Amino acid sequence: MQAITLAIALAGCALVLLSRPIWWLIIYIGITVFYPCNLTVPVGTIDFTAGRIVIMVIFAKALFLTNVFKGFKLIWLDKLVVIFFIAQIVAGLVTTPVMELLENRAGAMVDLMLPYFIARATLKKKEDYIFLVKAAMVIAIPLAAIGLFQSVTGNNPYGGMRAYAAWGSKGAAQSTDTRYGFYRAAASFPQPIMFGLFFAMLGPIAVGLYHYIRNKAFFYTAIAAMCVGAFSSLSSGPYFAIALSGLFIAMYKYRKQWKTLVLIVAIMCVVVEVVSNRHFWEVLDRFSLSGSAVWYRSRLIEVAFFENGMGGHWVTGFGHHDPGWGPRIDGRAFTDLVNDYLVILCRYGIVGFIPFAIMLFLAVSKLVKAFKRNIRAPDAWLLWCFSGAMFGIILAMNTTMLFGPPRTIFYIMLAMCAQVPSYFKRRVRYVRVFYPEPAEAELVPLQQG
């Protein structure tokens, strides 16, 4: 499989070298989601995926063969992305051997930082953003069909490749994990939940293109495909993200009352805390596919914050070592960190968590800034749906850990947040101006010529 992986990577690199900048991300995303990210080409102790090889070629072309980065100015969100990675290294130096740490973070830099800055440099106009989302919709349709096939039959067309995976699950092509009579589809992704999250992240963004796609048949087909793709994962995390994004988008007409809505949600949470013997986040197990999974997630939070789970490790975390919470949660021998915020806090402590939180805050502030421009209705819908996608995934990260393609897509979304204020021009308001009546003109008799 190493030869096939290298061939796929070289084909992607050739397409990049022959294409315009707007196609670079499309090629990269296509390879990232269609070719398994755990099939690698090892060079010493470093594993190169097809996507990593392609994005490095894209970055090199952008720097040395084009003027893509000409006039590029760093904003605070860009700086926080870099600071976050530096903070991870600083915290990791206390908990992890240096070479192991640098090798691990180098892979993360290629998977996350490079796509972020390529997206920042290439998605300069609203038309580029729309073109990228349309292309992603085209990519999603066949991928959703593969997921539906696996969910119904249990056969994964990628299953034969799993035996060659450098990391993650290995096994036969036949799926065995079922829920409600369907098999949990993963297709080319390492796990079903990651497969579903890809569609949960893309779906709300695609909904925003309603006014920009003339072929409504294609639009509705793509939206249906994304619903099918998310469903075929049979995972609560993607369902939760879609539900939150859908609720956010449904509030479009009432967006000016957002303060009232936030206050109502806060009061509801407080009421649950006061009148119930359970925390408000534990109520979510009533709406999940697996009550035991939500119970585990609730206990994970309780052990970490209320039972001294982070004791002695608040500053720099545990590194990439197991924090040992499993026996205290449900007796298991390991800790399954199914909460992305806890993953960052557990691995890098507040040294890493604070820059990450500021990074998310700056991304959201960019969306708010764009809305304050008093933009046209189609643009407002486009921006609102993208904001809904960010809202859904940011909250869903409390119930799942992002890794693989969804984490890469998330960093591309962060780059989009940085760009959107420049996509929309202020809508000009025409104001009727009343001028005073002109004074009566002095009548001057015409002179005989």
Foldseek 3Di string as FASTA:
>chain_A
DAVVQVVLLVVLLVVLVVDDLLCLVLSLLLCQQQAAQQQFNDDPNATHGSSLSSLVSNLVCCPPVDCLCPVPDDDVLLVLVVLLLVLLLVLQVVAHPNVVSVRVSVVVCSLFVSLLVSLLSRCQAPVSVLVSLVSVLVSLQVVLVQLLVCFQQQFAPCLVVQCNGNDADHDGRGADDDAPNTGAGQHSYRASVQQLLVLLLSLLLLVLCPVVDPPVVSSVSSNVSSVSRNVSNLFQLSVQLNVQLVVLLVCLVVVVCVVVVVVVVVVVQVVCVPPHPDHPQLVCLVVHRHNVLSLLLRLVVCCVPPVCLCPPPQAFANAPDFSQCVCVRPHDRGDDPFAALVVQCRRGHPSNNVSVVVSLVVLVVLLVLLVVLQFDPSLSSSSSSLVSSSSSNVVSSSGGHDDRSVSSVVSSSSSVSVNNSSHTHRDDDDDDDDDDDDDDDDDDDDDDD
